[in-house]
N, C-alpha and C. Protein backbone atom coordinates (compact mmCIF):
# COMPACT_ATOMS: atom_id res chain seq x y z
N MET A 1 119.50 85.60 133.93
CA MET A 1 119.22 85.39 132.51
C MET A 1 118.48 86.59 131.95
N GLY A 2 118.84 87.01 130.72
CA GLY A 2 118.21 88.18 130.11
C GLY A 2 116.84 87.86 129.57
N GLN A 3 116.19 88.90 129.12
CA GLN A 3 114.84 88.78 128.56
C GLN A 3 114.89 88.06 127.21
N GLN A 4 113.92 87.19 126.96
CA GLN A 4 113.82 86.47 125.69
C GLN A 4 113.60 87.45 124.54
N ILE A 5 114.11 87.09 123.36
CA ILE A 5 113.90 87.88 122.15
C ILE A 5 113.25 86.99 121.12
N ASP A 6 112.10 87.42 120.62
CA ASP A 6 111.33 86.69 119.61
C ASP A 6 111.39 87.48 118.31
N ILE A 7 111.97 86.87 117.28
CA ILE A 7 112.13 87.53 115.99
C ILE A 7 111.24 86.85 114.95
N ALA A 8 110.33 87.62 114.37
CA ALA A 8 109.51 87.13 113.26
C ALA A 8 110.34 87.22 112.00
N VAL A 9 110.41 86.14 111.26
CA VAL A 9 111.18 86.10 110.02
C VAL A 9 110.21 86.04 108.84
N ILE A 10 110.34 86.99 107.94
CA ILE A 10 109.49 87.02 106.75
C ILE A 10 110.37 86.72 105.54
N VAL A 11 110.10 85.59 104.91
CA VAL A 11 110.87 85.16 103.75
C VAL A 11 110.14 85.60 102.49
N GLY A 12 110.83 86.32 101.62
CA GLY A 12 110.21 86.88 100.42
C GLY A 12 110.06 85.92 99.26
N SER A 13 110.40 84.65 99.46
CA SER A 13 110.24 83.64 98.42
C SER A 13 109.27 82.57 98.91
N LEU A 14 108.38 82.14 98.06
CA LEU A 14 107.43 81.09 98.42
C LEU A 14 107.96 79.69 98.11
N ARG A 15 109.02 79.61 97.35
CA ARG A 15 109.56 78.31 96.93
C ARG A 15 110.11 77.55 98.12
N ALA A 16 109.68 76.31 98.32
CA ALA A 16 110.10 75.50 99.47
C ALA A 16 111.62 75.37 99.55
N GLY A 17 112.28 75.21 98.41
CA GLY A 17 113.73 75.03 98.40
C GLY A 17 114.51 76.30 98.13
N SER A 18 113.93 77.44 98.41
CA SER A 18 114.61 78.71 98.09
C SER A 18 115.84 78.91 98.96
N PHE A 19 116.82 79.57 98.40
CA PHE A 19 118.04 79.90 99.15
C PHE A 19 117.70 80.81 100.33
N ASN A 20 116.71 81.66 100.15
CA ASN A 20 116.32 82.57 101.22
C ASN A 20 115.71 81.83 102.39
N ARG A 21 114.89 80.83 102.10
CA ARG A 21 114.33 80.00 103.18
C ARG A 21 115.45 79.22 103.87
N MET A 22 116.40 78.71 103.10
CA MET A 22 117.55 78.02 103.70
C MET A 22 118.31 78.96 104.62
N ALA A 23 118.51 80.19 104.18
CA ALA A 23 119.22 81.17 105.00
C ALA A 23 118.45 81.48 106.28
N ALA A 24 117.14 81.60 106.18
CA ALA A 24 116.32 81.86 107.37
C ALA A 24 116.45 80.73 108.37
N HIS A 25 116.41 79.50 107.90
CA HIS A 25 116.57 78.35 108.79
C HIS A 25 117.98 78.30 109.37
N ALA A 26 118.97 78.63 108.55
CA ALA A 26 120.36 78.65 109.04
C ALA A 26 120.53 79.69 110.14
N LEU A 27 119.96 80.86 109.95
CA LEU A 27 120.04 81.91 110.97
C LEU A 27 119.34 81.45 112.26
N ALA A 28 118.22 80.77 112.13
CA ALA A 28 117.50 80.27 113.31
C ALA A 28 118.36 79.28 114.08
N ARG A 29 119.10 78.42 113.35
CA ARG A 29 119.98 77.46 114.02
C ARG A 29 121.15 78.14 114.72
N LEU A 30 121.55 79.30 114.22
CA LEU A 30 122.69 80.03 114.81
C LEU A 30 122.28 80.95 115.97
N ALA A 31 120.99 81.09 116.19
CA ALA A 31 120.50 82.03 117.22
C ALA A 31 121.08 81.66 118.58
N PRO A 32 121.56 82.67 119.31
CA PRO A 32 122.08 82.40 120.65
C PRO A 32 120.95 82.06 121.62
N ASP A 33 121.31 81.54 122.78
CA ASP A 33 120.32 81.24 123.81
C ASP A 33 119.50 82.49 124.10
N GLY A 34 118.21 82.30 124.26
CA GLY A 34 117.32 83.41 124.57
C GLY A 34 116.77 84.12 123.35
N VAL A 35 117.20 83.71 122.15
CA VAL A 35 116.74 84.33 120.91
C VAL A 35 116.06 83.26 120.06
N THR A 36 114.84 83.54 119.64
CA THR A 36 114.08 82.62 118.79
C THR A 36 113.73 83.31 117.49
N LEU A 37 113.98 82.63 116.39
CA LEU A 37 113.57 83.10 115.07
C LEU A 37 112.48 82.17 114.57
N ARG A 38 111.34 82.74 114.17
CA ARG A 38 110.23 81.92 113.67
C ARG A 38 109.72 82.53 112.37
N ILE A 39 109.55 81.67 111.38
CA ILE A 39 109.07 82.13 110.08
C ILE A 39 107.57 82.41 110.15
N VAL A 40 107.20 83.59 109.67
CA VAL A 40 105.80 83.98 109.54
C VAL A 40 105.47 83.85 108.05
N GLU A 41 104.58 82.91 107.74
CA GLU A 41 104.27 82.63 106.34
C GLU A 41 103.44 83.75 105.71
N ILE A 42 103.71 84.00 104.41
CA ILE A 42 103.02 85.07 103.70
C ILE A 42 102.31 84.59 102.44
N GLY A 43 102.47 83.33 102.07
CA GLY A 43 101.93 82.83 100.81
C GLY A 43 100.41 82.75 100.75
N ASP A 44 99.76 82.75 101.91
CA ASP A 44 98.30 82.64 101.93
C ASP A 44 97.59 83.98 102.05
N LEU A 45 98.34 85.07 102.07
CA LEU A 45 97.73 86.39 102.25
C LEU A 45 97.02 86.85 100.99
N PRO A 46 95.70 87.11 101.05
CA PRO A 46 95.04 87.70 99.89
C PRO A 46 95.66 89.07 99.58
N HIS A 47 95.63 89.45 98.32
CA HIS A 47 96.14 90.77 97.94
C HIS A 47 95.44 91.83 98.77
N TYR A 48 96.24 92.83 99.18
CA TYR A 48 95.62 93.88 99.98
C TYR A 48 94.62 94.64 99.13
N ASN A 49 93.42 94.82 99.70
CA ASN A 49 92.34 95.55 99.03
C ASN A 49 91.56 96.25 100.15
N GLU A 50 91.59 97.55 100.16
CA GLU A 50 90.92 98.30 101.22
C GLU A 50 89.43 98.00 101.31
N ASP A 51 88.82 97.54 100.23
CA ASP A 51 87.40 97.22 100.26
C ASP A 51 87.08 96.05 101.20
N ILE A 52 88.05 95.18 101.45
CA ILE A 52 87.80 94.06 102.37
C ILE A 52 88.45 94.28 103.74
N GLU A 53 88.91 95.51 103.97
CA GLU A 53 89.44 95.90 105.28
C GLU A 53 88.24 96.35 106.11
N THR A 54 87.54 95.38 106.67
CA THR A 54 86.32 95.63 107.44
C THR A 54 86.54 95.21 108.88
N ASP A 55 85.48 95.13 109.65
CA ASP A 55 85.57 94.62 111.02
C ASP A 55 85.94 93.14 111.04
N SER A 56 85.78 92.47 109.91
CA SER A 56 86.14 91.06 109.78
C SER A 56 87.05 90.87 108.56
N PRO A 57 88.31 91.30 108.66
CA PRO A 57 89.21 91.14 107.52
C PRO A 57 89.51 89.65 107.28
N PRO A 58 90.11 89.32 106.16
CA PRO A 58 90.45 87.92 105.89
C PRO A 58 91.26 87.33 107.06
N PRO A 59 90.94 86.10 107.46
CA PRO A 59 91.65 85.46 108.58
C PRO A 59 93.17 85.43 108.41
N ALA A 60 93.65 85.25 107.18
CA ALA A 60 95.10 85.22 106.96
C ALA A 60 95.73 86.57 107.30
N TRP A 61 95.04 87.66 106.99
CA TRP A 61 95.55 88.99 107.36
C TRP A 61 95.66 89.10 108.87
N THR A 62 94.60 88.69 109.56
CA THR A 62 94.58 88.79 111.03
C THR A 62 95.71 87.95 111.63
N ARG A 63 95.88 86.72 111.13
CA ARG A 63 96.96 85.86 111.62
C ARG A 63 98.31 86.51 111.42
N PHE A 64 98.56 87.01 110.20
CA PHE A 64 99.83 87.64 109.89
C PHE A 64 100.09 88.84 110.80
N ARG A 65 99.12 89.70 110.92
CA ARG A 65 99.27 90.90 111.76
C ARG A 65 99.57 90.52 113.21
N GLN A 66 98.88 89.52 113.73
CA GLN A 66 99.10 89.11 115.12
C GLN A 66 100.49 88.50 115.31
N GLU A 67 100.92 87.67 114.36
CA GLU A 67 102.23 87.03 114.48
C GLU A 67 103.36 88.06 114.44
N VAL A 68 103.24 89.06 113.59
CA VAL A 68 104.28 90.09 113.52
C VAL A 68 104.19 91.01 114.73
N ALA A 69 102.98 91.41 115.11
CA ALA A 69 102.80 92.32 116.24
C ALA A 69 103.33 91.73 117.54
N SER A 70 103.23 90.42 117.71
CA SER A 70 103.66 89.78 118.95
C SER A 70 105.18 89.62 119.03
N ALA A 71 105.88 89.81 117.93
CA ALA A 71 107.34 89.66 117.91
C ALA A 71 108.03 90.91 118.43
N ASP A 72 109.26 90.72 118.88
CA ASP A 72 110.08 91.85 119.33
C ASP A 72 110.74 92.57 118.16
N ALA A 73 110.92 91.85 117.05
CA ALA A 73 111.64 92.39 115.90
C ALA A 73 111.25 91.59 114.66
N VAL A 74 111.64 92.11 113.49
CA VAL A 74 111.33 91.43 112.23
C VAL A 74 112.60 91.32 111.39
N LEU A 75 112.84 90.13 110.91
CA LEU A 75 113.96 89.88 110.00
C LEU A 75 113.38 89.53 108.63
N PHE A 76 113.77 90.29 107.62
CA PHE A 76 113.35 90.04 106.24
C PHE A 76 114.49 89.32 105.53
N VAL A 77 114.19 88.17 104.93
CA VAL A 77 115.16 87.42 104.15
C VAL A 77 114.52 87.21 102.79
N THR A 78 115.07 87.86 101.77
CA THR A 78 114.34 87.89 100.50
C THR A 78 115.25 87.88 99.28
N PRO A 79 114.73 87.33 98.19
CA PRO A 79 115.41 87.46 96.90
C PRO A 79 115.07 88.82 96.29
N GLU A 80 115.65 89.05 95.14
CA GLU A 80 115.35 90.25 94.36
C GLU A 80 114.63 89.84 93.10
N TYR A 81 113.52 90.49 92.82
CA TYR A 81 112.80 90.27 91.56
C TYR A 81 112.78 91.60 90.83
N ASN A 82 113.32 91.63 89.63
CA ASN A 82 113.30 92.83 88.79
C ASN A 82 113.85 94.05 89.51
N ARG A 83 114.96 93.86 90.22
CA ARG A 83 115.66 94.92 90.96
C ARG A 83 114.86 95.50 92.12
N SER A 84 113.88 94.74 92.62
CA SER A 84 113.07 95.20 93.74
C SER A 84 112.63 93.99 94.58
N VAL A 85 111.70 94.23 95.48
CA VAL A 85 111.19 93.16 96.33
C VAL A 85 110.15 92.33 95.57
N PRO A 86 110.04 91.06 95.88
CA PRO A 86 108.99 90.24 95.27
C PRO A 86 107.61 90.79 95.62
N GLY A 87 106.67 90.65 94.72
CA GLY A 87 105.31 91.14 94.94
C GLY A 87 104.67 90.56 96.19
N VAL A 88 104.92 89.29 96.48
CA VAL A 88 104.32 88.66 97.65
C VAL A 88 104.82 89.32 98.94
N LEU A 89 106.08 89.75 98.95
CA LEU A 89 106.62 90.44 100.13
C LEU A 89 106.02 91.84 100.25
N LYS A 90 105.91 92.55 99.15
CA LYS A 90 105.31 93.89 99.18
C LYS A 90 103.87 93.80 99.66
N ASN A 91 103.15 92.76 99.21
CA ASN A 91 101.77 92.58 99.66
C ASN A 91 101.72 92.35 101.17
N ALA A 92 102.63 91.53 101.69
CA ALA A 92 102.65 91.26 103.13
C ALA A 92 102.89 92.55 103.91
N ILE A 93 103.79 93.38 103.42
CA ILE A 93 104.05 94.66 104.09
C ILE A 93 102.81 95.55 104.03
N ASP A 94 102.15 95.57 102.88
CA ASP A 94 100.91 96.35 102.76
C ASP A 94 99.86 95.86 103.75
N VAL A 95 99.70 94.55 103.87
CA VAL A 95 98.73 93.98 104.81
C VAL A 95 99.10 94.37 106.24
N GLY A 96 100.37 94.25 106.58
CA GLY A 96 100.81 94.55 107.95
C GLY A 96 100.78 96.03 108.29
N SER A 97 100.81 96.87 107.29
CA SER A 97 100.85 98.32 107.55
C SER A 97 99.46 98.95 107.61
N ARG A 98 98.42 98.14 107.45
CA ARG A 98 97.06 98.65 107.44
C ARG A 98 96.26 98.07 108.59
N PRO A 99 95.15 98.65 108.99
CA PRO A 99 94.66 99.94 108.53
C PRO A 99 95.61 101.07 108.92
N TYR A 100 95.49 102.18 108.21
CA TYR A 100 96.39 103.31 108.39
C TYR A 100 96.50 103.66 109.87
N GLY A 101 97.74 103.85 110.31
CA GLY A 101 97.99 104.20 111.71
C GLY A 101 98.14 103.01 112.63
N SER A 102 97.96 101.80 112.10
CA SER A 102 98.03 100.59 112.92
C SER A 102 99.10 99.62 112.42
N SER A 103 100.15 100.12 111.81
CA SER A 103 101.18 99.26 111.25
C SER A 103 101.83 98.38 112.31
N VAL A 104 101.93 97.09 112.03
CA VAL A 104 102.60 96.17 112.95
C VAL A 104 104.12 96.33 112.89
N PHE A 105 104.61 97.10 111.93
CA PHE A 105 106.04 97.32 111.78
C PHE A 105 106.52 98.58 112.51
N MET A 106 105.61 99.44 112.91
CA MET A 106 105.98 100.71 113.49
C MET A 106 106.83 100.52 114.75
N ALA A 107 107.99 101.15 114.77
CA ALA A 107 108.93 101.16 115.89
C ALA A 107 109.47 99.78 116.24
N LYS A 108 109.29 98.79 115.37
CA LYS A 108 109.78 97.43 115.60
C LYS A 108 111.12 97.27 114.87
N PRO A 109 112.20 96.95 115.59
CA PRO A 109 113.50 96.80 114.93
C PRO A 109 113.44 95.76 113.81
N ALA A 110 114.15 96.05 112.74
CA ALA A 110 114.17 95.15 111.59
C ALA A 110 115.58 95.02 111.03
N ALA A 111 115.79 93.90 110.35
CA ALA A 111 117.04 93.68 109.62
C ALA A 111 116.67 93.05 108.28
N ILE A 112 117.54 93.25 107.30
CA ILE A 112 117.28 92.76 105.95
C ILE A 112 118.49 91.98 105.46
N MET A 113 118.22 90.77 105.00
CA MET A 113 119.24 89.97 104.31
C MET A 113 118.66 89.60 102.96
N THR A 114 119.40 89.88 101.89
CA THR A 114 118.96 89.49 100.56
C THR A 114 119.96 88.49 100.00
N LEU A 115 119.43 87.46 99.36
CA LEU A 115 120.25 86.42 98.75
C LEU A 115 119.88 86.27 97.29
N SER A 116 120.89 86.00 96.49
CA SER A 116 120.68 85.85 95.05
C SER A 116 121.72 84.89 94.50
N PRO A 117 121.35 84.12 93.48
CA PRO A 117 122.36 83.29 92.82
C PRO A 117 123.38 84.15 92.07
N GLY A 118 123.02 85.39 91.76
CA GLY A 118 123.92 86.29 91.05
C GLY A 118 124.91 86.96 91.98
N ALA A 119 125.81 87.74 91.39
CA ALA A 119 126.88 88.36 92.15
C ALA A 119 126.43 89.56 92.99
N LEU A 120 125.34 90.24 92.62
CA LEU A 120 124.95 91.45 93.33
C LEU A 120 124.23 91.17 94.65
N GLY A 121 123.79 89.97 94.86
CA GLY A 121 123.21 89.59 96.14
C GLY A 121 121.92 90.29 96.52
N GLY A 122 121.15 90.72 95.56
CA GLY A 122 119.87 91.36 95.88
C GLY A 122 119.99 92.79 96.35
N PHE A 123 121.00 93.49 95.91
CA PHE A 123 121.24 94.87 96.32
C PHE A 123 120.02 95.77 96.11
N GLY A 124 119.37 95.66 94.95
CA GLY A 124 118.21 96.51 94.66
C GLY A 124 117.05 96.22 95.59
N ALA A 125 116.76 94.95 95.83
CA ALA A 125 115.67 94.58 96.75
C ALA A 125 115.97 95.07 98.16
N ASN A 126 117.20 94.93 98.58
CA ASN A 126 117.59 95.35 99.92
C ASN A 126 117.30 96.84 100.11
N HIS A 127 117.70 97.64 99.15
CA HIS A 127 117.51 99.09 99.29
C HIS A 127 116.06 99.52 99.10
N HIS A 128 115.33 98.86 98.24
CA HIS A 128 113.90 99.19 98.11
C HIS A 128 113.17 98.84 99.39
N LEU A 129 113.52 97.70 100.00
CA LEU A 129 112.88 97.32 101.25
C LEU A 129 113.23 98.31 102.36
N ARG A 130 114.45 98.77 102.41
CA ARG A 130 114.82 99.81 103.39
C ARG A 130 113.95 101.06 103.22
N GLN A 131 113.75 101.46 101.98
CA GLN A 131 112.93 102.64 101.70
C GLN A 131 111.50 102.44 102.19
N ILE A 132 110.94 101.26 101.96
CA ILE A 132 109.59 100.95 102.41
C ILE A 132 109.52 101.00 103.93
N LEU A 133 110.51 100.42 104.61
CA LEU A 133 110.48 100.33 106.07
C LEU A 133 110.72 101.68 106.75
N VAL A 134 111.44 102.58 106.10
CA VAL A 134 111.62 103.92 106.66
C VAL A 134 110.26 104.58 106.81
N PHE A 135 109.39 104.43 105.84
CA PHE A 135 108.05 105.01 105.92
C PHE A 135 107.24 104.38 107.05
N GLN A 136 107.56 103.14 107.41
CA GLN A 136 106.86 102.46 108.50
C GLN A 136 107.41 102.86 109.87
N ASP A 137 108.39 103.75 109.90
CA ASP A 137 109.04 104.19 111.14
C ASP A 137 109.66 102.99 111.86
N THR A 138 110.34 102.18 111.06
CA THR A 138 110.98 100.96 111.53
C THR A 138 112.48 101.17 111.65
N PRO A 139 113.05 101.03 112.87
CA PRO A 139 114.51 101.13 112.99
C PRO A 139 115.16 99.92 112.30
N ILE A 140 116.08 100.18 111.38
CA ILE A 140 116.66 99.13 110.55
C ILE A 140 118.15 98.98 110.85
N LEU A 141 118.59 97.72 110.96
CA LEU A 141 120.01 97.43 111.12
C LEU A 141 120.77 98.01 109.93
N GLN A 142 121.78 98.83 110.21
CA GLN A 142 122.55 99.45 109.13
C GLN A 142 123.79 98.65 108.75
N GLN A 143 124.49 98.10 109.75
CA GLN A 143 125.73 97.36 109.51
C GLN A 143 125.75 96.11 110.36
N PRO A 144 126.18 94.99 109.88
CA PRO A 144 126.69 94.79 108.53
C PRO A 144 125.55 94.68 107.52
N GLU A 145 125.80 95.22 106.34
CA GLU A 145 124.83 95.04 105.26
C GLU A 145 124.93 93.59 104.79
N ALA A 146 123.82 93.03 104.38
CA ALA A 146 123.81 91.62 103.99
C ALA A 146 123.23 91.43 102.61
N TYR A 147 124.09 91.60 101.60
CA TYR A 147 123.76 91.29 100.21
C TYR A 147 124.56 90.02 99.90
N ILE A 148 123.90 88.90 99.88
CA ILE A 148 124.60 87.62 99.76
C ILE A 148 124.47 87.10 98.33
N GLY A 149 125.57 87.15 97.60
CA GLY A 149 125.59 86.66 96.23
C GLY A 149 126.03 85.22 96.15
N ASN A 150 125.91 84.65 94.95
CA ASN A 150 126.33 83.28 94.69
C ASN A 150 125.70 82.29 95.68
N ALA A 151 124.43 82.47 95.97
CA ALA A 151 123.74 81.71 97.00
C ALA A 151 123.74 80.20 96.75
N ALA A 152 123.84 79.79 95.51
CA ALA A 152 123.81 78.35 95.20
C ALA A 152 125.02 77.62 95.78
N THR A 153 126.07 78.35 96.11
CA THR A 153 127.29 77.72 96.64
C THR A 153 127.36 77.73 98.16
N LEU A 154 126.39 78.32 98.84
CA LEU A 154 126.50 78.56 100.28
C LEU A 154 125.96 77.45 101.17
N PHE A 155 125.15 76.56 100.61
CA PHE A 155 124.47 75.55 101.42
C PHE A 155 124.78 74.15 100.91
N ASP A 156 124.80 73.19 101.85
CA ASP A 156 125.01 71.81 101.45
C ASP A 156 123.67 71.19 101.02
N GLU A 157 123.67 69.91 100.72
CA GLU A 157 122.46 69.24 100.23
C GLU A 157 121.34 69.19 101.26
N LYS A 158 121.65 69.42 102.53
CA LYS A 158 120.63 69.44 103.59
C LYS A 158 120.17 70.86 103.92
N GLY A 159 120.70 71.84 103.20
CA GLY A 159 120.31 73.23 103.45
C GLY A 159 121.08 73.90 104.57
N HIS A 160 122.17 73.30 105.01
CA HIS A 160 122.98 73.89 106.07
C HIS A 160 124.12 74.70 105.45
N ILE A 161 124.61 75.65 106.18
CA ILE A 161 125.71 76.49 105.69
C ILE A 161 126.91 75.59 105.37
N ALA A 162 127.48 75.77 104.19
CA ALA A 162 128.52 74.88 103.69
C ALA A 162 129.95 75.33 103.97
N ASN A 163 130.12 76.57 104.46
CA ASN A 163 131.50 77.02 104.70
C ASN A 163 131.58 77.97 105.89
N ASP A 164 132.76 78.05 106.47
CA ASP A 164 132.97 78.85 107.68
C ASP A 164 132.84 80.35 107.42
N ARG A 165 133.20 80.79 106.24
CA ARG A 165 133.11 82.23 105.92
C ARG A 165 131.65 82.70 105.96
N THR A 166 130.75 81.92 105.36
CA THR A 166 129.33 82.26 105.38
C THR A 166 128.78 82.20 106.79
N LYS A 167 129.16 81.17 107.55
CA LYS A 167 128.72 81.05 108.93
C LYS A 167 129.16 82.27 109.74
N ALA A 168 130.39 82.71 109.56
CA ALA A 168 130.88 83.89 110.28
C ALA A 168 130.09 85.14 109.91
N LEU A 169 129.76 85.29 108.62
CA LEU A 169 128.97 86.44 108.18
C LEU A 169 127.57 86.39 108.80
N PHE A 170 126.93 85.23 108.76
CA PHE A 170 125.59 85.08 109.35
C PHE A 170 125.64 85.35 110.85
N ASP A 171 126.66 84.82 111.53
CA ASP A 171 126.81 85.06 112.98
C ASP A 171 126.96 86.55 113.28
N SER A 172 127.80 87.23 112.51
CA SER A 172 128.03 88.65 112.70
C SER A 172 126.76 89.46 112.47
N PHE A 173 126.05 89.13 111.41
CA PHE A 173 124.80 89.80 111.08
C PHE A 173 123.77 89.61 112.20
N LEU A 174 123.58 88.38 112.63
CA LEU A 174 122.59 88.09 113.67
C LEU A 174 123.01 88.73 114.99
N GLY A 175 124.29 88.71 115.32
CA GLY A 175 124.78 89.35 116.55
C GLY A 175 124.52 90.85 116.55
N ALA A 176 124.75 91.49 115.41
CA ALA A 176 124.50 92.93 115.31
C ALA A 176 123.01 93.23 115.44
N PHE A 177 122.18 92.36 114.87
CA PHE A 177 120.73 92.57 114.94
C PHE A 177 120.24 92.42 116.39
N VAL A 178 120.72 91.41 117.08
CA VAL A 178 120.33 91.23 118.49
C VAL A 178 120.77 92.45 119.32
N LYS A 179 121.93 92.97 119.03
CA LYS A 179 122.41 94.17 119.73
C LYS A 179 121.47 95.36 119.46
N LEU A 180 121.04 95.54 118.21
CA LEU A 180 120.10 96.62 117.88
C LEU A 180 118.79 96.43 118.64
N ILE A 181 118.29 95.20 118.70
CA ILE A 181 117.04 94.94 119.42
C ILE A 181 117.19 95.32 120.89
N LYS A 182 118.30 94.92 121.49
CA LYS A 182 118.52 95.24 122.92
C LYS A 182 118.64 96.74 123.13
N CYS A 183 119.35 97.43 122.25
CA CYS A 183 119.48 98.90 122.37
C CYS A 183 118.13 99.59 122.20
N THR A 184 117.32 99.09 121.28
CA THR A 184 115.99 99.65 121.05
C THR A 184 115.12 99.48 122.30
N ARG A 185 115.25 98.33 122.95
CA ARG A 185 114.50 98.09 124.19
C ARG A 185 114.90 99.08 125.28
N LEU A 186 116.20 99.33 125.38
CA LEU A 186 116.70 100.24 126.42
C LEU A 186 116.22 101.67 126.22
N SER A 187 116.10 102.06 124.94
CA SER A 187 115.70 103.44 124.66
C SER A 187 114.19 103.64 124.66
N ALA A 188 113.44 102.55 124.75
CA ALA A 188 111.97 102.66 124.72
C ALA A 188 111.40 103.16 126.02
């Protein structure tokens, strides 16, 4: 049996019924044996402020940093707000990337899936997030790209994937991400 893979999932929407949270749960259900996806909550993180980055930072910051640091990889599943990432997600990245030189994202494989009720599928958020993660020295899954539009049609009333085409896309995306994680491990 191969080594276990633990993926921290950061959902960029705080709404309980968000399409992005549904997608994160759907991906977790599709995970192959030996792969675990767990959501790391970001809604309780105080805004990043260097003045409170002391020997005793806010407990929510410490929890978040530890949960991401202990993972083998990070999966971002997020909507797009104003052609970029939601502020709560940007704050979480700021918290995780500090103090300077101690980023929990550094050299940790990542993948990005953006979902939107609109046709563009969060294209702007996806690319802004890629730009942010490049600065974190985070290896990012390049293909398949996952801009998922028309999200309101993808899930049934229980939040499960409603069609085989979406399931195949999610399977392909997750399979490629697991492959990137394994390749990153081999090159480390």
